[in-house]
């Protein structure tokens, strides 16, 4: 109780201390955390600067779900008894600071999350959009198109991570759950972006491939590196039609552990599904699939996005190849997902949508398939408040007879309320 009170008092002091910034909370080249940030991918690039001194933007988000989901399997291995009730309320605290003309800092802290009980920092980075803070006009023509990000940050692999729920920041996700194979990791690195007014964009980046930073050597090395690249086109063709298509690469030469599909410490939205009755601890990634690759991996993702009027489609095609410790052969995994959303209302404050998501994986025990169908609806009560409803149905096929996931299935209703500011 004392720990909770300390956090509440600290948050109140921070909010009070920076309240005089509340009149104008907009920042340059910044993705808004509310409805205005929906269908925004990379931070926008604008050469016009409004900087007139250090400015701190304090923001945050809070999300709560009501879960009414059932699960079952072949019956050989008993599943935990689950019923209908509320999940843990999650919360984020965001600090975004304009430090100089064209220089901004972002820091996100998870105040509460499914996995960790204590407050902890997700990550943070510097974003540099011009070099005037070094010398007025330095590389001005080049920096009109270039953005640099440096920090311990969420890597920009694929476009799906821009639409996923990030602990309590769920307002960008039209559904409750993320993809089955949820690509998300935070690593120390740097990314260089080049964005053109014509719509073409490119990114290259390097990171150290580690979730938990350490200088301790294992097998004679402190770790390896990961290489990232993205190439795409994003253009508002006319008032009604927007088209975006990107291809992304994530490659590691050698890392002790691959975190691309296991780095989300906040946890899955489907609590305790497909969890054994005798489990000694919560599987906080329940309902997801992790290919469990180690050492080297090559992941490629393609994402089309089309929006015509209120109708939008977002797709994911992902192929991954790699090895686990002790594997003699490379294993391959393919993920496909498609979302069809219809937004309507005066400010597109209502929507209906459906998503189909499937993963086909070569496991050491044989080929397995995980399929998920989601049907969702949402209402933006204000630009900062979103109510969602979702029906989810997920099935497992190809798992060993008698295993936990043999003929596994879960389905039911999820309700979610999200606040973000």
Protein backbone atom coordinates (compact mmCIF):
# COMPACT_ATOMS: atom_id res chain seq x y z
CA UNK A 1 0.00 0.00 0.00
CA UNK A 2 2.85 2.40 0.83
CA UNK A 3 4.43 1.69 -2.56
CA UNK A 4 1.17 2.50 -4.35
CA UNK A 5 0.75 5.74 -2.40
CA UNK A 6 4.30 6.80 -3.25
CA UNK A 7 3.60 6.27 -6.94
CA UNK A 8 0.35 8.24 -6.76
CA UNK A 9 2.03 11.14 -4.92
CA UNK A 10 4.95 11.16 -7.36
CA UNK A 11 2.62 11.21 -10.36
CA UNK A 12 0.56 14.03 -8.81
CA UNK A 13 3.69 16.11 -8.23
CA UNK A 14 4.87 15.58 -11.79
CA UNK A 15 1.49 16.53 -13.25
CA UNK A 16 1.24 19.58 -10.97
CA UNK A 17 4.79 20.68 -11.68
CA UNK A 18 4.26 20.67 -15.44
CA UNK A 19 0.63 21.84 -15.52
CA UNK A 20 1.60 25.22 -16.94
CA UNK A 21 2.43 23.45 -20.22
CA UNK A 22 -1.14 22.22 -20.63
CA UNK A 23 -2.34 25.12 -22.80
CA UNK A 24 -0.39 23.94 -25.83
CA UNK A 25 0.58 20.26 -25.75
CA UNK A 26 1.48 19.80 -29.42
CA UNK A 27 5.06 18.97 -30.37
CA UNK A 28 6.89 18.97 -33.68
CA UNK A 29 7.13 15.72 -35.65
CA UNK A 30 5.11 13.85 -33.05
CA UNK A 31 2.48 11.11 -33.19
CA UNK A 32 -0.46 12.21 -31.07
CA UNK A 33 -1.41 9.64 -28.38
CA UNK A 34 -5.17 9.99 -28.96
CA UNK A 35 -7.51 9.40 -31.92
CA UNK A 36 -5.42 11.76 -34.05
CA UNK A 37 -2.62 9.17 -33.93
CA UNK A 38 -4.72 6.38 -35.46
CA UNK A 39 -3.27 5.20 -38.80
CA UNK A 40 -0.09 7.21 -38.21
CA UNK A 41 3.04 5.10 -38.65
CA UNK A 42 6.46 6.74 -38.50
CA UNK A 43 6.46 10.15 -36.81
CA UNK A 44 5.53 12.80 -39.40
CA UNK A 45 8.33 14.84 -40.93
CA UNK A 46 7.83 18.61 -41.06
CA UNK A 47 10.61 21.14 -41.53
CA UNK A 48 8.66 23.94 -39.83
CA UNK A 49 9.76 24.36 -36.21
CA UNK A 50 7.69 25.82 -33.36
CA UNK A 51 10.48 25.52 -30.77
CA UNK A 52 10.79 28.51 -28.45
CA UNK A 53 12.32 26.89 -25.37
CA UNK A 54 12.36 23.61 -23.52
CA UNK A 55 8.86 22.18 -23.38
CA UNK A 56 7.70 19.15 -21.40
CA UNK A 57 4.60 17.22 -22.41
CA UNK A 58 3.29 14.91 -19.69
CA UNK A 59 0.92 12.25 -20.98
CA UNK A 60 -0.31 8.82 -20.14
CA UNK A 61 -2.82 6.09 -20.74
CA UNK A 62 -4.96 3.64 -18.82
CA UNK A 63 -6.78 0.54 -20.02
CA UNK A 64 -9.13 -1.98 -18.44
CA UNK A 65 -10.67 -5.16 -19.92
CA UNK A 66 -13.59 -7.37 -19.00
CA UNK A 67 -12.90 -10.93 -20.14
CA UNK A 68 -15.50 -13.65 -20.73
CA UNK A 69 -13.49 -16.33 -22.56
CA UNK A 70 -13.62 -20.13 -22.40
CA UNK A 71 -10.88 -22.57 -23.39
CA UNK A 72 -10.60 -26.31 -24.06
CA UNK A 73 -8.24 -28.97 -25.39
CA UNK A 74 -8.26 -32.74 -25.97
CA UNK A 75 -8.65 -33.25 -22.23
CA UNK A 76 -5.47 -35.22 -21.62
CA UNK A 77 -3.80 -32.26 -19.92
CA UNK A 78 -6.10 -30.30 -17.61
CA UNK A 79 -6.54 -26.60 -18.24
CA UNK A 80 -6.93 -23.93 -15.59
CA UNK A 81 -10.49 -23.07 -14.67
CA UNK A 82 -11.24 -19.55 -15.93
CA UNK A 83 -14.42 -17.48 -15.78
CA UNK A 84 -15.72 -13.99 -16.53
CA UNK A 85 -14.31 -10.97 -14.69
CA UNK A 86 -12.10 -7.89 -15.00
CA UNK A 87 -8.40 -8.09 -15.83
CA UNK A 88 -5.69 -5.97 -14.24
CA UNK A 89 -6.00 -2.26 -15.01
CA UNK A 90 -2.79 -1.19 -16.80
CA UNK A 91 -1.26 2.30 -16.94
CA UNK A 92 1.53 4.15 -18.76
CA UNK A 93 3.28 7.44 -18.05
CA UNK A 94 4.81 9.31 -21.01
CA UNK A 95 7.28 12.18 -20.97
CA UNK A 96 7.97 13.94 -24.27
CA UNK A 97 10.37 16.85 -24.15
CA UNK A 98 11.31 19.38 -26.83
CA UNK A 99 14.96 19.99 -25.94
CA UNK A 100 16.08 22.15 -28.86
CA UNK A 101 15.00 23.04 -32.35
CA UNK A 102 14.44 19.70 -34.05
CA UNK A 103 15.45 17.62 -31.00
CA UNK A 104 12.91 15.71 -28.93
CA UNK A 105 13.10 13.08 -26.19
CA UNK A 106 10.52 10.35 -25.50
CA UNK A 107 10.33 8.24 -22.35
CA UNK A 108 7.62 5.66 -21.55
CA UNK A 109 7.16 4.08 -18.13
CA UNK A 110 4.82 1.19 -17.37
CA UNK A 111 3.14 2.07 -14.07
CA UNK A 112 1.29 -1.25 -13.97
CA UNK A 113 1.40 -4.21 -16.33
CA UNK A 114 0.42 -7.85 -16.33
CA UNK A 115 3.92 -9.28 -15.98
CA UNK A 116 5.89 -6.94 -13.72
CA UNK A 117 4.35 -5.80 -10.47
CA UNK A 118 6.75 -2.90 -10.06
CA UNK A 119 6.89 0.31 -12.10
CA UNK A 120 9.61 0.14 -14.75
CA UNK A 121 10.81 1.99 -17.82
CA UNK A 122 9.89 0.50 -21.19
CA UNK A 123 12.45 2.63 -23.04
CA UNK A 124 13.27 6.03 -24.41
CA UNK A 125 15.01 7.76 -27.30
CA UNK A 126 16.18 11.02 -28.81
CA UNK A 127 14.67 12.07 -32.14
CA UNK A 128 16.70 14.51 -34.23
CA UNK A 129 15.06 16.29 -37.19
CA UNK A 130 17.66 18.98 -37.85
CA UNK A 131 21.17 19.90 -36.72
CA UNK A 132 20.68 23.58 -35.93
CA UNK A 133 21.46 22.84 -32.27
CA UNK A 134 25.04 22.11 -33.40
CA UNK A 135 25.37 24.85 -36.01
CA UNK A 136 22.69 26.94 -37.70
CA UNK A 137 21.89 25.48 -41.13
CA UNK A 138 24.20 22.46 -40.76
CA UNK A 139 23.31 19.95 -43.52
CA UNK A 140 20.02 21.80 -43.88
CA UNK A 141 19.05 20.43 -47.27
CA UNK A 142 19.73 16.84 -46.19
CA UNK A 143 17.91 17.19 -42.86
CA UNK A 144 14.78 18.37 -44.66
CA UNK A 145 14.23 14.67 -45.34
CA UNK A 146 16.26 12.92 -42.63
CA UNK A 147 15.31 11.85 -39.10
CA UNK A 148 17.61 10.12 -36.63
CA UNK A 149 16.47 8.14 -33.57
CA UNK A 150 18.91 6.95 -30.89
CA UNK A 151 18.17 5.16 -27.63
CA UNK A 152 16.92 2.02 -25.91
CA UNK A 153 13.77 1.89 -27.95
CA UNK A 154 11.11 -0.07 -29.79
CA UNK A 155 12.67 -1.15 -33.06
CA UNK A 156 10.89 -0.23 -36.29
CA UNK A 157 10.49 -3.70 -37.78
CA UNK A 158 7.33 -3.92 -39.89
CA UNK A 159 4.22 -1.78 -39.59
CA UNK A 160 2.15 -4.03 -37.31
CA UNK A 161 3.81 -2.63 -34.19
CA UNK A 162 2.32 0.80 -34.95
CA UNK A 163 -1.19 -0.70 -34.53
CA UNK A 164 -0.52 -2.96 -31.54
CA UNK A 165 -1.44 -2.35 -27.93
CA UNK A 166 1.59 -1.23 -25.92
CA UNK A 167 0.56 -2.08 -22.37
CA UNK A 168 -1.97 0.68 -21.55
CA UNK A 169 -1.57 2.53 -24.88
CA UNK A 170 -4.33 0.66 -26.74
CA UNK A 171 -6.09 3.47 -28.58
CA UNK A 172 -4.31 2.77 -31.91
CA UNK A 173 -5.40 -0.90 -31.94
CA UNK A 174 -8.92 -1.43 -33.33
CA UNK A 175 -8.99 -4.83 -31.57
CA UNK A 176 -8.14 -6.02 -28.08
CA UNK A 177 -5.41 -8.55 -28.85
CA UNK A 178 -2.21 -8.11 -30.87
CA UNK A 179 -1.10 -10.52 -33.58
CA UNK A 180 -0.51 -14.18 -32.66
CA UNK A 181 3.20 -13.87 -33.40
CA UNK A 182 3.69 -10.43 -31.88
CA UNK A 183 6.88 -8.81 -33.21
CA UNK A 184 8.01 -6.28 -30.63
CA UNK A 185 11.33 -5.67 -28.95
CA UNK A 186 13.25 -2.84 -27.29
CA UNK A 187 16.99 -2.70 -27.96
CA UNK A 188 19.79 -0.14 -27.73
CA UNK A 189 20.43 1.19 -31.20
CA UNK A 190 19.99 3.89 -33.81
CA UNK A 191 17.73 4.31 -36.86
CA UNK A 192 18.18 6.66 -39.82
CA UNK A 193 15.07 7.67 -41.81
CA UNK A 194 14.74 9.34 -45.19
CA UNK A 195 11.21 10.53 -46.08
CA UNK A 196 10.26 12.27 -49.32
CA UNK A 197 7.27 14.47 -50.09
CA UNK A 198 6.61 12.13 -53.02
CA UNK A 199 5.72 9.39 -50.50
CA UNK A 200 8.82 7.22 -50.66
CA UNK A 201 10.50 6.37 -47.36
CA UNK A 202 13.47 4.34 -46.24
CA UNK A 203 15.07 3.36 -42.96
CA UNK A 204 18.22 1.56 -41.88
CA UNK A 205 19.12 0.77 -38.31
CA UNK A 206 21.40 -1.17 -36.03
CA UNK A 207 20.79 -2.41 -32.50
CA UNK A 208 22.58 -4.66 -30.05
CA UNK A 209 19.96 -7.44 -30.09
CA UNK A 210 19.53 -7.44 -26.31
CA UNK A 211 16.47 -6.77 -24.18
CA UNK A 212 18.28 -6.73 -20.82
CA UNK A 213 21.50 -4.78 -21.13
CA UNK A 214 24.66 -6.30 -19.65
CA UNK A 215 28.43 -6.33 -20.14
CA UNK A 216 28.73 -9.92 -18.87
CA UNK A 217 30.24 -12.26 -21.47
CA UNK A 218 28.62 -15.53 -22.47
CA UNK A 219 30.60 -17.94 -24.62
CA UNK A 220 33.29 -15.28 -25.00
CA UNK A 221 30.94 -12.52 -26.18
CA UNK A 222 28.75 -9.82 -24.64
CA UNK A 223 26.28 -10.29 -27.51
CA UNK A 224 25.84 -9.53 -31.17
CA UNK A 225 23.86 -7.10 -33.25
CA UNK A 226 20.66 -6.83 -35.22
CA UNK A 227 20.24 -5.05 -38.55
CA UNK A 228 16.97 -3.41 -39.55
CA UNK A 229 15.79 -1.95 -42.83
CA UNK A 230 12.52 -0.67 -44.24
CA UNK A 231 11.52 0.56 -47.68
CA UNK A 232 8.09 1.84 -48.54
CA UNK A 233 5.66 4.25 -50.13
CA UNK A 234 2.96 6.18 -48.27
CA UNK A 235 0.82 8.74 -50.08
CA UNK A 236 -2.54 10.43 -49.71
CA UNK A 237 -3.47 10.05 -53.38
CA UNK A 238 -6.54 12.30 -53.09
CA UNK A 239 -9.00 13.42 -50.43
CA UNK A 240 -10.56 9.95 -50.25
CA UNK A 241 -7.76 7.50 -50.98
CA UNK A 242 -4.53 6.73 -49.12
CA UNK A 243 -2.08 4.00 -50.12
CA UNK A 244 0.87 2.64 -48.15
CA UNK A 245 3.08 -0.37 -48.77
CA UNK A 246 6.26 -1.25 -46.88
CA UNK A 247 8.74 -4.10 -46.70
CA UNK A 248 10.90 -4.61 -43.61
CA UNK A 249 13.89 -6.73 -42.61
CA UNK A 250 15.20 -7.79 -39.19
CA UNK A 251 18.40 -9.84 -39.23
CA UNK A 252 20.77 -10.99 -36.50
CA UNK A 253 24.19 -12.46 -37.08
CA UNK A 254 24.57 -13.78 -33.53
CA UNK A 255 22.69 -12.99 -30.33
CA UNK A 256 22.52 -15.23 -27.24
CA UNK A 257 18.71 -15.02 -27.26
CA UNK A 258 16.23 -13.69 -29.80
CA UNK A 259 13.67 -11.35 -28.23
CA UNK A 260 11.77 -10.26 -31.33
CA UNK A 261 8.72 -12.35 -30.35
CA UNK A 262 9.19 -12.53 -26.59
CA UNK A 263 10.25 -9.05 -25.48
CA UNK A 264 6.80 -7.74 -24.56
CA UNK A 265 7.00 -7.70 -20.77
CA UNK A 266 3.54 -6.12 -20.51
CA UNK A 267 1.82 -9.39 -21.46
CA UNK A 268 -1.06 -10.66 -23.58
CA UNK A 269 -4.61 -9.36 -23.34
CA UNK A 270 -6.09 -12.87 -23.14
CA UNK A 271 -5.43 -13.74 -19.52
CA UNK A 272 -4.73 -17.38 -18.51
CA UNK A 273 -6.02 -18.94 -21.74
CA UNK A 274 -4.54 -22.35 -22.63
CA UNK A 275 -2.75 -22.44 -19.28
CA UNK A 276 -2.28 -25.71 -17.42
CA UNK A 277 -4.28 -26.27 -14.24
CA UNK A 278 -1.10 -27.08 -12.29
CA UNK A 279 0.92 -24.11 -13.61
CA UNK A 280 3.00 -22.56 -10.84
CA UNK A 281 3.07 -19.10 -12.44
CA UNK A 282 1.08 -17.08 -14.94
CA UNK A 283 2.01 -17.46 -18.59
CA UNK A 284 1.82 -13.73 -19.28
CA UNK A 285 2.12 -14.32 -23.06
CA UNK A 286 -0.92 -16.61 -23.14
CA UNK A 287 -2.57 -16.90 -26.54
CA UNK A 288 0.58 -15.92 -28.47
CA UNK A 289 3.06 -17.99 -30.47
CA UNK A 290 6.83 -17.67 -30.02
CA UNK A 291 9.02 -19.59 -32.52
CA UNK A 292 11.74 -19.75 -29.82
CA UNK A 293 14.63 -19.01 -32.16
CA UNK A 294 18.09 -18.41 -30.71
CA UNK A 295 21.35 -17.14 -32.17
CA UNK A 296 20.64 -16.00 -35.76
CA UNK A 297 17.35 -15.19 -37.46
CA UNK A 298 16.07 -13.50 -40.60
CA UNK A 299 12.58 -11.97 -40.46
CA UNK A 300 10.86 -10.24 -43.38
CA UNK A 301 7.49 -8.46 -43.19
CA UNK A 302 5.33 -6.82 -45.85
CA UNK A 303 2.45 -4.52 -44.88
CA UNK A 304 -0.10 -3.02 -47.27
CA UNK A 305 -2.44 -0.31 -45.98
CA UNK A 306 -5.29 1.14 -48.04
CA UNK A 307 -7.94 3.61 -46.90
CA UNK A 308 -10.78 4.78 -49.11
CA UNK A 309 -13.21 7.03 -47.30
CA UNK A 310 -14.05 5.22 -44.07
CA UNK A 311 -13.04 1.78 -45.32
CA UNK A 312 -9.50 0.59 -44.59
CA UNK A 313 -7.46 -2.57 -45.02
CA UNK A 314 -4.25 -3.42 -43.21
CA UNK A 315 -2.35 -6.60 -44.05
CA UNK A 316 0.65 -8.49 -42.74
CA UNK A 317 2.71 -11.12 -44.50
CA UNK A 318 5.70 -12.28 -42.47
CA UNK A 319 8.25 -15.01 -43.02
CA UNK A 320 10.89 -15.93 -40.44
CA UNK A 321 13.74 -18.45 -40.56
CA UNK A 322 16.13 -19.37 -37.79
CA UNK A 323 17.41 -21.98 -35.38
CA UNK A 324 17.04 -22.83 -31.74
CA UNK A 325 19.91 -24.10 -29.63
CA UNK A 326 20.69 -27.65 -30.70
CA UNK A 327 18.85 -27.40 -34.03
CA UNK A 328 20.71 -28.89 -36.97
CA UNK A 329 18.30 -27.52 -39.57
CA UNK A 330 16.77 -24.10 -40.10
CA UNK A 331 13.08 -23.85 -39.23
CA UNK A 332 10.61 -21.58 -41.02
CA UNK A 333 7.51 -19.75 -39.81
CA UNK A 334 4.91 -17.84 -41.84
CA UNK A 335 2.35 -15.40 -40.48
CA UNK A 336 -0.53 -13.85 -42.44
CA UNK A 337 -3.05 -11.34 -41.11
CA UNK A 338 -5.70 -9.15 -42.68
CA UNK A 339 -7.82 -6.42 -41.07
CA UNK A 340 -10.86 -4.82 -42.65
CA UNK A 341 -12.16 -1.78 -40.75
CA UNK A 342 -15.06 0.54 -41.54
CA UNK A 343 -14.97 3.87 -39.70
CA UNK A 344 -18.03 6.11 -39.70
CA UNK A 345 -19.60 9.02 -37.88
CA UNK A 346 -18.92 12.73 -38.11
CA UNK A 347 -15.30 12.30 -36.99
CA UNK A 348 -15.02 8.56 -37.77
CA UNK A 349 -15.65 8.06 -34.07
CA UNK A 350 -17.36 4.68 -34.64
CA UNK A 351 -15.96 1.60 -36.33
CA UNK A 352 -16.68 -2.04 -37.12
CA UNK A 353 -13.93 -4.46 -38.08
CA UNK A 354 -12.74 -7.99 -38.53
CA UNK A 355 -9.29 -9.61 -38.51
CA UNK A 356 -8.08 -13.03 -39.58
CA UNK A 357 -4.63 -14.12 -38.41
CA UNK A 358 -2.84 -17.43 -39.00
CA UNK A 359 0.63 -18.78 -38.18
CA UNK A 360 2.17 -21.88 -39.80
CA UNK A 361 5.35 -23.05 -38.11
CA UNK A 362 7.89 -25.82 -38.46
CA UNK A 363 8.49 -27.08 -34.93
CA UNK A 364 10.92 -29.81 -33.91
CA UNK A 365 7.90 -31.98 -33.07
CA UNK A 366 6.24 -31.32 -36.44
CA UNK A 367 4.30 -28.62 -38.28
CA UNK A 368 1.73 -26.65 -36.27
CA UNK A 369 -0.92 -24.08 -37.17
CA UNK A 370 -2.57 -21.42 -35.02
CA UNK A 371 -5.63 -19.59 -36.39
CA UNK A 372 -7.45 -16.61 -34.92
CA UNK A 373 -10.63 -14.79 -35.95
CA UNK A 374 -11.62 -11.48 -34.36
CA UNK A 375 -14.74 -9.40 -34.77
CA UNK A 376 -14.62 -5.95 -33.21
CA UNK A 377 -16.41 -2.65 -32.75
CA UNK A 378 -15.39 0.62 -31.19
CA UNK A 379 -16.66 4.04 -30.12
CA UNK A 380 -14.45 7.09 -29.57
CA UNK A 381 -16.50 8.87 -26.92
CA UNK A 382 -13.97 11.71 -27.21
CA UNK A 383 -10.64 11.76 -29.00
CA UNK A 384 -9.07 10.54 -25.74
CA UNK A 385 -11.59 7.85 -24.69
CA UNK A 386 -12.27 4.63 -26.62
CA UNK A 387 -14.64 1.78 -25.82
CA UNK A 388 -14.10 -1.53 -27.65
CA UNK A 389 -15.90 -4.87 -27.90
CA UNK A 390 -14.37 -7.97 -29.46
CA UNK A 391 -15.30 -11.57 -30.12
CA UNK A 392 -12.24 -13.81 -30.48
CA UNK A 393 -11.91 -17.43 -31.59
CA UNK A 394 -8.48 -19.12 -31.68
CA UNK A 395 -7.66 -22.74 -32.57
CA UNK A 396 -4.50 -24.89 -32.46
CA UNK A 397 -3.72 -27.73 -34.88
CA UNK A 398 -0.82 -30.16 -35.27
CA UNK A 399 0.34 -30.23 -31.66
CA UNK A 400 1.44 -33.53 -30.13
CA UNK A 401 -1.27 -35.85 -28.86
CA UNK A 402 -1.77 -35.31 -25.15
CA UNK A 403 0.06 -31.98 -25.06
CA UNK A 404 -1.43 -28.85 -23.54
CA UNK A 405 -2.35 -27.40 -26.96
CA UNK A 406 -3.60 -30.66 -28.52
CA UNK A 407 -6.95 -29.72 -30.14
CA UNK A 408 -6.69 -26.45 -28.22
CA UNK A 409 -9.23 -23.69 -28.59
CA UNK A 410 -10.37 -20.53 -26.81
CA UNK A 411 -13.20 -18.15 -27.66
CA UNK A 412 -15.39 -15.54 -26.09
CA UNK A 413 -16.04 -11.86 -25.54
CA UNK A 414 -13.63 -9.07 -24.56
CA UNK A 415 -14.60 -5.53 -23.57
CA UNK A 416 -11.97 -2.81 -23.26
CA UNK A 417 -12.00 0.82 -22.12
CA UNK A 418 -8.99 2.97 -23.05
CA UNK A 419 -7.97 6.48 -22.07
CA UNK A 420 -4.96 8.18 -23.64
CA UNK A 421 -3.80 11.80 -23.50
